[in-house]
PDB file of N, CA and C in Angstrom:
ATOM      1  N   MET A   1     -12.561   4.221  37.585  1.00  0.00           N
ATOM      2  CA  MET A   1     -11.794   5.421  37.857  1.00  0.00           C
ATOM      3  C   MET A   1     -12.658   6.633  37.507  1.00  0.00           C
ATOM      4  N   TYR A   2     -12.537   7.681  38.264  1.00  0.00           N
ATOM      5  CA  TYR A   2     -13.329   8.872  38.030  1.00  0.00           C
ATOM      6  C   TYR A   2     -12.425  10.034  37.606  1.00  0.00           C
ATOM      7  N   ALA A   3     -13.006  11.023  36.971  1.00  0.00           N
ATOM      8  CA  ALA A   3     -12.245  12.200  36.548  1.00  0.00           C
ATOM      9  C   ALA A   3     -11.971  13.088  37.753  1.00  0.00           C
ATOM     10  N   LEU A   4     -10.793  13.637  37.805  1.00  0.00           N
ATOM     11  CA  LEU A   4     -10.429  14.536  38.899  1.00  0.00           C
ATOM     12  C   LEU A   4     -11.049  15.909  38.675  1.00  0.00           C
ATOM     13  N   ALA A   5     -11.496  16.522  39.739  1.00  0.00           N
ATOM     14  CA  ALA A   5     -12.110  17.845  39.644  1.00  0.00           C
ATOM     15  C   ALA A   5     -11.072  18.914  39.335  1.00  0.00           C
ATOM     16  N   THR A   6      -9.861  18.733  39.814  1.00  0.00           N
ATOM     17  CA  THR A   6      -8.806  19.712  39.573  1.00  0.00           C
ATOM     18  C   THR A   6      -7.522  18.998  39.207  1.00  0.00           C
ATOM     19  N   ASP A   7      -6.686  19.668  38.458  1.00  0.00           N
ATOM     20  CA  ASP A   7      -5.370  19.139  38.126  1.00  0.00           C
ATOM     21  C   ASP A   7      -4.381  19.563  39.193  1.00  0.00           C
ATOM     22  N   HIS A   8      -3.502  18.667  39.548  1.00  0.00           N
ATOM     23  CA  HIS A   8      -2.399  19.005  40.439  1.00  0.00           C
ATOM     24  C   HIS A   8      -1.196  19.244  39.546  1.00  0.00           C
ATOM     25  N   LEU A   9      -0.655  20.442  39.599  1.00  0.00           N
ATOM     26  CA  LEU A   9       0.452  20.805  38.730  1.00  0.00           C
ATOM     27  C   LEU A   9       1.706  21.065  39.539  1.00  0.00           C
ATOM     28  N   LEU A  10       2.800  20.562  39.040  1.00  0.00           N
ATOM     29  CA  LEU A  10       4.106  20.832  39.608  1.00  0.00           C
ATOM     30  C   LEU A  10       4.823  21.742  38.610  1.00  0.00           C
ATOM     31  N   TYR A  11       5.375  22.825  39.089  1.00  0.00           N
ATOM     32  CA  TYR A  11       6.069  23.784  38.239  1.00  0.00           C
ATOM     33  C   TYR A  11       7.565  23.674  38.485  1.00  0.00           C
ATOM     34  N   TYR A  12       8.347  23.981  37.456  1.00  0.00           N
ATOM     35  CA  TYR A  12       9.797  24.003  37.627  1.00  0.00           C
ATOM     36  C   TYR A  12      10.399  25.107  36.771  1.00  0.00           C
ATOM     37  N   LYS A  13      11.586  25.538  37.171  1.00  0.00           N
ATOM     38  CA  LYS A  13      12.338  26.536  36.411  1.00  0.00           C
ATOM     39  C   LYS A  13      13.814  26.253  36.610  1.00  0.00           C
ATOM     40  N   ILE A  14      14.559  26.200  35.512  1.00  0.00           N
ATOM     41  CA  ILE A  14      15.998  25.974  35.555  1.00  0.00           C
ATOM     42  C   ILE A  14      16.675  27.269  35.115  1.00  0.00           C
ATOM     43  N   THR A  15      17.512  27.814  35.984  1.00  0.00           N
ATOM     44  CA  THR A  15      18.175  29.085  35.718  1.00  0.00           C
ATOM     45  C   THR A  15      19.682  28.878  35.642  1.00  0.00           C
ATOM     46  N   PRO A  16      20.318  29.256  34.513  1.00  0.00           N
ATOM     47  CA  PRO A  16      21.781  29.164  34.440  1.00  0.00           C
ATOM     48  C   PRO A  16      22.426  30.136  35.427  1.00  0.00           C
ATOM     49  N   GLU A  17      23.488  29.680  36.077  1.00  0.00           N
ATOM     50  CA  GLU A  17      24.255  30.497  37.010  1.00  0.00           C
ATOM     51  C   GLU A  17      25.734  30.318  36.693  1.00  0.00           C
ATOM     52  N   PRO A  18      26.598  31.195  37.197  1.00  0.00           N
ATOM     53  CA  PRO A  18      28.031  31.097  36.881  1.00  0.00           C
ATOM     54  C   PRO A  18      28.656  29.736  37.220  1.00  0.00           C
ATOM     55  N   ASP A  19      28.188  29.100  38.288  1.00  0.00           N
ATOM     56  CA  ASP A  19      28.790  27.831  38.711  1.00  0.00           C
ATOM     57  C   ASP A  19      27.915  26.619  38.397  1.00  0.00           C
ATOM     58  N   GLY A  20      26.919  26.764  37.525  1.00  0.00           N
ATOM     59  CA  GLY A  20      26.050  25.645  37.167  1.00  0.00           C
ATOM     60  C   GLY A  20      24.637  26.111  36.882  1.00  0.00           C
ATOM     61  N   PHE A  21      23.680  25.462  37.502  1.00  0.00           N
ATOM     62  CA  PHE A  21      22.272  25.783  37.304  1.00  0.00           C
ATOM     63  C   PHE A  21      21.539  25.761  38.640  1.00  0.00           C
ATOM     64  N   LYS A  22      20.463  26.525  38.723  1.00  0.00           N
ATOM     65  CA  LYS A  22      19.568  26.447  39.881  1.00  0.00           C
ATOM     66  C   LYS A  22      18.253  25.865  39.388  1.00  0.00           C
ATOM     67  N   LEU A  23      17.818  24.789  40.029  1.00  0.00           N
ATOM     68  CA  LEU A  23      16.532  24.163  39.729  1.00  0.00           C
ATOM     69  C   LEU A  23      15.564  24.542  40.834  1.00  0.00           C
ATOM     70  N   ARG A  24      14.471  25.150  40.456  1.00  0.00           N
ATOM     71  CA  ARG A  24      13.419  25.503  41.418  1.00  0.00           C
ATOM     72  C   ARG A  24      12.193  24.669  41.058  1.00  0.00           C
ATOM     73  N   ILE A  25      11.634  23.988  42.059  1.00  0.00           N
ATOM     74  CA  ILE A  25      10.446  23.152  41.885  1.00  0.00           C
ATOM     75  C   ILE A  25       9.416  23.615  42.907  1.00  0.00           C
ATOM     76  N   TRP A  26       8.173  23.803  42.471  1.00  0.00           N
ATOM     77  CA  TRP A  26       7.137  24.190  43.416  1.00  0.00           C
ATOM     78  C   TRP A  26       5.787  23.628  42.977  1.00  0.00           C
ATOM     79  N   GLU A  27       4.896  23.537  43.939  1.00  0.00           N
ATOM     80  CA  GLU A  27       3.534  23.075  43.680  1.00  0.00           C
ATOM     81  C   GLU A  27       2.573  24.048  44.338  1.00  0.00           C
ATOM     82  N   THR A  28       1.548  24.413  43.601  1.00  0.00           N
ATOM     83  CA  THR A  28       0.536  25.318  44.136  1.00  0.00           C
ATOM     84  C   THR A  28      -0.616  24.502  44.712  1.00  0.00           C
ATOM     85  N   PRO A  29      -1.319  25.030  45.695  1.00  0.00           N
ATOM     86  CA  PRO A  29      -2.442  24.288  46.277  1.00  0.00           C
ATOM     87  C   PRO A  29      -3.655  24.301  45.356  1.00  0.00           C
ATOM     88  N   THR A  30      -4.576  23.395  45.599  1.00  0.00           N
ATOM     89  CA  THR A  30      -5.850  23.426  44.890  1.00  0.00           C
ATOM     90  C   THR A  30      -6.619  24.654  45.352  1.00  0.00           C
ATOM     91  N   VAL A  31      -7.658  24.991  44.646  1.00  0.00           N
ATOM     92  CA  VAL A  31      -8.456  26.172  45.001  1.00  0.00           C
ATOM     93  C   VAL A  31      -8.983  26.055  46.427  1.00  0.00           C
ATOM     94  N   ALA A  32      -9.430  24.871  46.806  1.00  0.00           N
ATOM     95  CA  ALA A  32      -9.982  24.677  48.150  1.00  0.00           C
ATOM     96  C   ALA A  32      -8.934  24.885  49.239  1.00  0.00           C
ATOM     97  N   ALA A  33      -7.681  24.568  48.929  1.00  0.00           N
ATOM     98  CA  ALA A  33      -6.619  24.676  49.931  1.00  0.00           C
ATOM     99  C   ALA A  33      -5.836  25.980  49.821  1.00  0.00           C
ATOM    100  N   SER A  34      -6.220  26.869  48.912  1.00  0.00           N
ATOM    101  CA  SER A  34      -5.435  28.081  48.677  1.00  0.00           C
ATOM    102  C   SER A  34      -5.476  29.066  49.839  1.00  0.00           C
ATOM    103  N   GLN A  35      -6.348  28.843  50.806  1.00  0.00           N
ATOM    104  CA  GLN A  35      -6.407  29.735  51.970  1.00  0.00           C
ATOM    105  C   GLN A  35      -5.133  29.665  52.802  1.00  0.00           C
ATOM    106  N   TYR A  36      -4.343  28.613  52.632  1.00  0.00           N
ATOM    107  CA  TYR A  36      -3.137  28.434  53.436  1.00  0.00           C
ATOM    108  C   TYR A  36      -1.916  29.118  52.845  1.00  0.00           C
ATOM    109  N   GLY A  37      -1.954  29.525  51.603  1.00  0.00           N
ATOM    110  CA  GLY A  37      -0.821  30.205  51.002  1.00  0.00           C
ATOM    111  C   GLY A  37      -0.748  29.953  49.508  1.00  0.00           C
ATOM    112  N   ASP A  38       0.238  30.588  48.877  1.00  0.00           N
ATOM    113  CA  ASP A  38       0.386  30.490  47.431  1.00  0.00           C
ATOM    114  C   ASP A  38       1.072  29.208  46.977  1.00  0.00           C
ATOM    115  N   TYR A  39       1.831  28.566  47.867  1.00  0.00           N
ATOM    116  CA  TYR A  39       2.590  27.373  47.501  1.00  0.00           C
ATOM    117  C   TYR A  39       2.417  26.293  48.557  1.00  0.00           C
ATOM    118  N   LEU A  40       2.406  25.035  48.106  1.00  0.00           N
ATOM    119  CA  LEU A  40       2.478  23.932  49.060  1.00  0.00           C
ATOM    120  C   LEU A  40       3.915  23.790  49.532  1.00  0.00           C
ATOM    121  N   TYR A  41       4.854  23.956  48.595  1.00  0.00           N
ATOM    122  CA  TYR A  41       6.281  23.930  48.916  1.00  0.00           C
ATOM    123  C   TYR A  41       7.059  24.514  47.745  1.00  0.00           C
ATOM    124  N   ILE A  42       8.290  24.920  48.017  1.00  0.00           N
ATOM    125  CA  ILE A  42       9.238  25.356  46.991  1.00  0.00           C
ATOM    126  C   ILE A  42      10.578  24.721  47.325  1.00  0.00           C
ATOM    127  N   LEU A  43      11.193  24.087  46.333  1.00  0.00           N
ATOM    128  CA  LEU A  43      12.535  23.528  46.490  1.00  0.00           C
ATOM    129  C   LEU A  43      13.493  24.310  45.611  1.00  0.00           C
ATOM    130  N   ASN A  44      14.651  24.653  46.129  1.00  0.00           N
ATOM    131  CA  ASN A  44      15.721  25.267  45.355  1.00  0.00           C
ATOM    132  C   ASN A  44      16.925  24.351  45.439  1.00  0.00           C
ATOM    133  N   VAL A  45      17.387  23.873  44.278  1.00  0.00           N
ATOM    134  CA  VAL A  45      18.500  22.932  44.227  1.00  0.00           C
ATOM    135  C   VAL A  45      19.553  23.478  43.270  1.00  0.00           C
ATOM    136  N   ARG A  46      20.802  23.498  43.704  1.00  0.00           N
ATOM    137  CA  ARG A  46      21.899  23.903  42.825  1.00  0.00           C
ATOM    138  C   ARG A  46      22.549  22.646  42.259  1.00  0.00           C
ATOM    139  N   VAL A  47      22.717  22.634  40.933  1.00  0.00           N
ATOM    140  CA  VAL A  47      23.317  21.495  40.243  1.00  0.00           C
ATOM    141  C   VAL A  47      24.394  22.006  39.297  1.00  0.00           C
ATOM    142  N   VAL A  48      25.258  21.103  38.828  1.00  0.00           N
ATOM    143  CA  VAL A  48      26.373  21.531  37.981  1.00  0.00           C
ATOM    144  C   VAL A  48      26.065  21.440  36.493  1.00  0.00           C
ATOM    145  N   SER A  49      25.027  20.689  36.103  1.00  0.00           N
ATOM    146  CA  SER A  49      24.745  20.526  34.677  1.00  0.00           C
ATOM    147  C   SER A  49      23.243  20.418  34.425  1.00  0.00           C
ATOM    148  N   MET A  50      22.880  20.600  33.163  1.00  0.00           N
ATOM    149  CA  MET A  50      21.485  20.438  32.763  1.00  0.00           C
ATOM    150  C   MET A  50      21.049  18.982  32.963  1.00  0.00           C
ATOM    151  N   ALA A  51      21.949  18.047  32.723  1.00  0.00           N
ATOM    152  CA  ALA A  51      21.635  16.626  32.918  1.00  0.00           C
ATOM    153  C   ALA A  51      21.314  16.339  34.384  1.00  0.00           C
ATOM    154  N   GLU A  52      22.064  16.941  35.295  1.00  0.00           N
ATOM    155  CA  GLU A  52      21.802  16.748  36.720  1.00  0.00           C
ATOM    156  C   GLU A  52      20.474  17.400  37.120  1.00  0.00           C
ATOM    157  N   ALA A  53      20.162  18.548  36.530  1.00  0.00           N
ATOM    158  CA  ALA A  53      18.880  19.204  36.803  1.00  0.00           C
ATOM    159  C   ALA A  53      17.731  18.313  36.352  1.00  0.00           C
ATOM    160  N   ARG A  54      17.867  17.724  35.164  1.00  0.00           N
ATOM    161  CA  ARG A  54      16.831  16.831  34.650  1.00  0.00           C
ATOM    162  C   ARG A  54      16.684  15.604  35.544  1.00  0.00           C
ATOM    163  N   GLU A  55      17.793  15.038  35.984  1.00  0.00           N
ATOM    164  CA  GLU A  55      17.754  13.862  36.855  1.00  0.00           C
ATOM    165  C   GLU A  55      17.067  14.182  38.187  1.00  0.00           C
ATOM    166  N   CYS A  56      17.399  15.327  38.754  1.00  0.00           N
ATOM    167  CA  CYS A  56      16.786  15.748  40.022  1.00  0.00           C
ATOM    168  C   CYS A  56      15.282  15.957  39.844  1.00  0.00           C
ATOM    169  N   LEU A  57      14.896  16.602  38.748  1.00  0.00           N
ATOM    170  CA  LEU A  57      13.477  16.819  38.464  1.00  0.00           C
ATOM    171  C   LEU A  57      12.763  15.486  38.245  1.00  0.00           C
ATOM    172  N   ALA A  58      13.378  14.585  37.493  1.00  0.00           N
ATOM    173  CA  ALA A  58      12.773  13.272  37.238  1.00  0.00           C
ATOM    174  C   ALA A  58      12.584  12.490  38.536  1.00  0.00           C
ATOM    175  N   ASN A  59      13.571  12.535  39.428  1.00  0.00           N
ATOM    176  CA  ASN A  59      13.454  11.844  40.717  1.00  0.00           C
ATOM    177  C   ASN A  59      12.321  12.427  41.556  1.00  0.00           C
ATOM    178  N   HIS A  60      12.236  13.757  41.581  1.00  0.00           N
ATOM    179  CA  HIS A  60      11.168  14.403  42.349  1.00  0.00           C
ATOM    180  C   HIS A  60       9.796  14.037  41.774  1.00  0.00           C
ATOM    181  N   LEU A  61       9.693  14.025  40.454  1.00  0.00           N
ATOM    182  CA  LEU A  61       8.428  13.666  39.820  1.00  0.00           C
ATOM    183  C   LEU A  61       8.027  12.232  40.130  1.00  0.00           C
ATOM    184  N   THR A  62       8.991  11.333  40.112  1.00  0.00           N
ATOM    185  CA  THR A  62       8.709   9.930  40.417  1.00  0.00           C
ATOM    186  C   THR A  62       8.101   9.786  41.804  1.00  0.00           C
ATOM    187  N   LEU A  63       8.604  10.552  42.748  1.00  0.00           N
ATOM    188  CA  LEU A  63       8.077  10.502  44.114  1.00  0.00           C
ATOM    189  C   LEU A  63       6.699  11.145  44.253  1.00  0.00           C
ATOM    190  N   ASN A  64       6.306  11.950  43.256  1.00  0.00           N
ATOM    191  CA  ASN A  64       5.056  12.703  43.353  1.00  0.00           C
ATOM    192  C   ASN A  64       4.029  12.360  42.276  1.00  0.00           C
ATOM    193  N   GLY A  65       4.176  11.218  41.622  1.00  0.00           N
ATOM    194  CA  GLY A  65       3.159  10.766  40.684  1.00  0.00           C
ATOM    195  C   GLY A  65       3.277  11.297  39.276  1.00  0.00           C
ATOM    196  N   GLY A  66       4.434  11.770  38.879  1.00  0.00           N
ATOM    197  CA  GLY A  66       4.635  12.270  37.524  1.00  0.00           C
ATOM    198  C   GLY A  66       5.815  11.595  36.871  1.00  0.00           C
ATOM    199  N   SER A  67       6.082  11.955  35.618  1.00  0.00           N
ATOM    200  CA  SER A  67       7.262  11.438  34.930  1.00  0.00           C
ATOM    201  C   SER A  67       7.594  12.357  33.765  1.00  0.00           C
ATOM    202  N   LEU A  68       8.856  12.343  33.364  1.00  0.00           N
ATOM    203  CA  LEU A  68       9.288  13.095  32.196  1.00  0.00           C
ATOM    204  C   LEU A  68       9.164  12.193  30.979  1.00  0.00           C
ATOM    205  N   VAL A  69       8.727  12.746  29.869  1.00  0.00           N
ATOM    206  CA  VAL A  69       8.608  11.954  28.655  1.00  0.00           C
ATOM    207  C   VAL A  69       9.534  12.439  27.553  1.00  0.00           C
ATOM    208  N   CYS A  70      10.293  13.501  27.804  1.00  0.00           N
ATOM    209  CA  CYS A  70      11.216  14.010  26.796  1.00  0.00           C
ATOM    210  C   CYS A  70      12.650  13.793  27.268  1.00  0.00           C
ATOM    211  N   ASP A  71      13.579  13.772  26.319  1.00  0.00           N
ATOM    212  CA  ASP A  71      14.971  13.634  26.736  1.00  0.00           C
ATOM    213  C   ASP A  71      15.515  14.992  27.163  1.00  0.00           C
ATOM    214  N   GLN A  72      16.712  15.006  27.733  1.00  0.00           N
ATOM    215  CA  GLN A  72      17.220  16.244  28.328  1.00  0.00           C
ATOM    216  C   GLN A  72      17.463  17.346  27.316  1.00  0.00           C
ATOM    217  N   THR A  73      17.669  17.033  26.041  1.00  0.00           N
ATOM    218  CA  THR A  73      17.885  18.083  25.050  1.00  0.00           C
ATOM    219  C   THR A  73      16.588  18.820  24.736  1.00  0.00           C
ATOM    220  N   GLU A  74      15.448  18.211  25.029  1.00  0.00           N
ATOM    221  CA  GLU A  74      14.156  18.838  24.769  1.00  0.00           C
ATOM    222  C   GLU A  74      13.562  19.501  26.004  1.00  0.00           C
ATOM    223  N   LEU A  75      14.195  19.326  27.156  1.00  0.00           N
ATOM    224  CA  LEU A  75      13.641  19.855  28.399  1.00  0.00           C
ATOM    225  C   LEU A  75      13.722  21.381  28.396  1.00  0.00           C
ATOM    226  N   PRO A  76      12.571  22.066  28.405  1.00  0.00           N
ATOM    227  CA  PRO A  76      12.606  23.527  28.442  1.00  0.00           C
ATOM    228  C   PRO A  76      13.096  24.030  29.797  1.00  0.00           C
ATOM    229  N   TYR A  77      13.523  25.279  29.837  1.00  0.00           N
ATOM    230  CA  TYR A  77      14.039  25.850  31.076  1.00  0.00           C
ATOM    231  C   TYR A  77      12.953  26.122  32.109  1.00  0.00           C
ATOM    232  N   LYS A  78      11.700  26.132  31.698  1.00  0.00           N
ATOM    233  CA  LYS A  78      10.616  26.240  32.673  1.00  0.00           C
ATOM    234  C   LYS A  78       9.395  25.530  32.120  1.00  0.00           C
ATOM    235  N   GLY A  79       8.542  25.077  33.046  1.00  0.00           N
ATOM    236  CA  GLY A  79       7.351  24.371  32.602  1.00  0.00           C
ATOM    237  C   GLY A  79       6.496  23.927  33.765  1.00  0.00           C
ATOM    238  N   LYS A  80       5.430  23.214  33.423  1.00  0.00           N
ATOM    239  CA  LYS A  80       4.554  22.638  34.434  1.00  0.00           C
ATOM    240  C   LYS A  80       4.191  21.229  33.999  1.00  0.00           C
ATOM    241  N   ILE A  81       3.989  20.366  34.992  1.00  0.00           N
ATOM    242  CA  ILE A  81       3.744  18.953  34.743  1.00  0.00           C
ATOM    243  C   ILE A  81       2.548  18.525  35.579  1.00  0.00           C
ATOM    244  N   ARG A  82       1.605  17.847  34.958  1.00  0.00           N
ATOM    245  CA  ARG A  82       0.421  17.357  35.671  1.00  0.00           C
ATOM    246  C   ARG A  82       0.794  16.143  36.510  1.00  0.00           C
ATOM    247  N   LEU A  83       0.331  16.124  37.745  1.00  0.00           N
ATOM    248  CA  LEU A  83       0.594  15.026  38.676  1.00  0.00           C
ATOM    249  C   LEU A  83      -0.688  14.279  38.991  1.00  0.00           C
ATOM    250  N   LEU A  84      -0.539  13.045  39.427  1.00  0.00           N
ATOM    251  CA  LEU A  84      -1.671  12.310  39.980  1.00  0.00           C
ATOM    252  C   LEU A  84      -1.984  12.919  41.338  1.00  0.00           C
ATOM    253  N   ALA A  85      -3.239  13.058  41.641  1.00  0.00           N
ATOM    254  CA  ALA A  85      -3.619  13.644  42.931  1.00  0.00           C
ATOM    255  C   ALA A  85      -3.317  12.670  44.059  1.00  0.00           C
ATOM    256  N   PHE A  86      -2.488  13.098  44.995  1.00  0.00           N
ATOM    257  CA  PHE A  86      -2.137  12.332  46.190  1.00  0.00           C
ATOM    258  C   PHE A  86      -1.758  10.879  45.894  1.00  0.00           C
ATOM    259  N   PRO A  87      -0.726  10.626  45.064  1.00  0.00           N
ATOM    260  CA  PRO A  87      -0.382   9.249  44.732  1.00  0.00           C
ATOM    261  C   PRO A  87       0.110   8.441  45.925  1.00  0.00           C
ATOM    262  N   THR A  88       0.749   9.096  46.888  1.00  0.00           N
ATOM    263  CA  THR A  88       1.263   8.369  48.052  1.00  0.00           C
ATOM    264  C   THR A  88       0.787   8.963  49.364  1.00  0.00           C
ATOM    265  N   TRP A  89      -0.064   9.958  49.303  1.00  0.00           N
ATOM    266  CA  TRP A  89      -0.541  10.640  50.504  1.00  0.00           C
ATOM    267  C   TRP A  89      -2.034  10.854  50.356  1.00  0.00           C
ATOM    268  N   ASP A  90      -2.808  10.563  51.369  1.00  0.00           N
ATOM    269  CA  ASP A  90      -4.265  10.661  51.273  1.00  0.00           C
ATOM    270  C   ASP A  90      -4.819  12.041  51.622  1.00  0.00           C
ATOM    271  N   GLY A  91      -3.944  13.013  51.852  1.00  0.00           N
ATOM    272  CA  GLY A  91      -4.387  14.363  52.161  1.00  0.00           C
ATOM    273  C   GLY A  91      -4.673  14.600  53.626  1.00  0.00           C
ATOM    274  N   GLN A  92      -4.580  13.577  54.436  1.00  0.00           N
ATOM    275  CA  GLN A  92      -4.799  13.701  55.874  1.00  0.00           C
ATOM    276  C   GLN A  92      -3.456  13.868  56.569  1.00  0.00           C
ATOM    277  N   SER A  93      -3.447  14.577  57.669  1.00  0.00           N
ATOM    278  CA  SER A  93      -2.179  14.794  58.373  1.00  0.00           C
ATOM    279  C   SER A  93      -1.781  13.619  59.217  1.00  0.00           C
TER     280      SER A  93
END
């Protein structure tokens, strides 16, 4: 296995709202791919509880090569998580 030249980071932010929470998840491109824009994607999800926000984030991370290691009481309202580079996608269209 070789060391990766760049880290792939997934960012998230959980915002309390009157009817629950808004979970925003986004990933920024690598430096080489930054010519296409500031984000690879942004997801906005409305959930009713912090537990549901954590579950949604954990599911998204599982699909993208990451995982949560803290329980929901320790989950900060915003953060970044290192991902494996292209765990299920080879970068080709």
